[in-house]
Amino acid sequence: MPYETHNYKKYLKNNRMRRNFGIKKIVIIVISLAIIAVGLLGLNGKFNFLSLSKDDLAGTNESDSSSPSSNNSSNNSGAALPSSGQAGSLATSSSPANLEPSQPAPKSILLSVPFFSQAPFGEWSDPIFQNACEEASIIMAMHWVNKTPVTKDQVKQEILDLSLFEDKTYGQAFDRAAADAIKMFKDYFNYENVFVRSGISTKDIKKEILAGRLVIVPLNGQILKNPFYTPPGPEHHMLVVIGYDAKTNEFITNDVGTRHGEKYRYAEARLQASLQDYPTGNDLPSIPGQTAMIVVMPK
């Protein structure tokens, strides 16, 4: 075989090999690009990072605040609505019609009420002050109504004066039921913006407190288990409820039965268990399940 012919055939063979290799290379590149494209589409379906909004395509500069789906949008309750930029959100997700109504947050309140105990100078052995929880609670409520400060000397005299008025007007008694205690507001202080309600629970107390009204409740002090009471605690007791803490489900009280009673907290379940109206008299037995409260409204 001539050298020239042999070289030509060799050239043709090498040329075919290079062409086949080039085709294979192109096929590999195309397949690789296809795999990458499929992967990107899959990731986009999960993260939505390749999508363009209608505004992006139009090139608008409209402010977010004018769009119903902006971060500053809110429904009628004031709750923030989902942003249109949130992952996986639909265009209609910012419409109030497609949102579940938000639940109102539990409320808390604390009224500004002066505090003093029923024995301002620790006169617990004196029967007048030992049994003055009704008088002290009512006097405290009237200082809240009138927005007046009070000193220990002043409140001591006020308790003595009110106790003397009771004995002369209603007859002597250590305990006064809610329906009788409320008379001191009207007859002694000439204040009519009060009412008494029977058959109540902590739900009723909470309703009045959240409305900005003061509540005085008779109860069984032994069930309260206040560590500052002289054991076992007073069976017939009255205190002033001045607030409610929704985060802890606690009622905030001014408990006149102890010098540590300012803003003293009782768990809702504990206060509910202790609610107990008692009869007017001297340590008469209470009727189980009988509850009441005195509601004092501001001027």
Foldseek 3Di string as FASTA:
>chain_A
DDPVVVVVVVVVVVVVVVVVVVVVVVVVVVVVVVVVVVVVVVVCVQFVPPDDDPCRVVVDDDDLVVDLQRQCHDDPVRDTFHHPPDGPDDPCRSPPVNDDDDDDDDDKDFQDWDAAALQNVPVCVDLLSVLQQLVLQVVRQVCSQVVHDDDSVRSVVSSVVLQVVCCVPPNDFSDAFPVGSVVCCCVVVVDDQKDKDKLDFVVVVQVLLVVVKKKKWWWQQLLQPDVQADPSHHGTHIWIFGMADPVQQWTFTRGNRGRPRHRDIGHRVSVRVTFFTAHTHYPDDGDPSIGMMMIHDHD
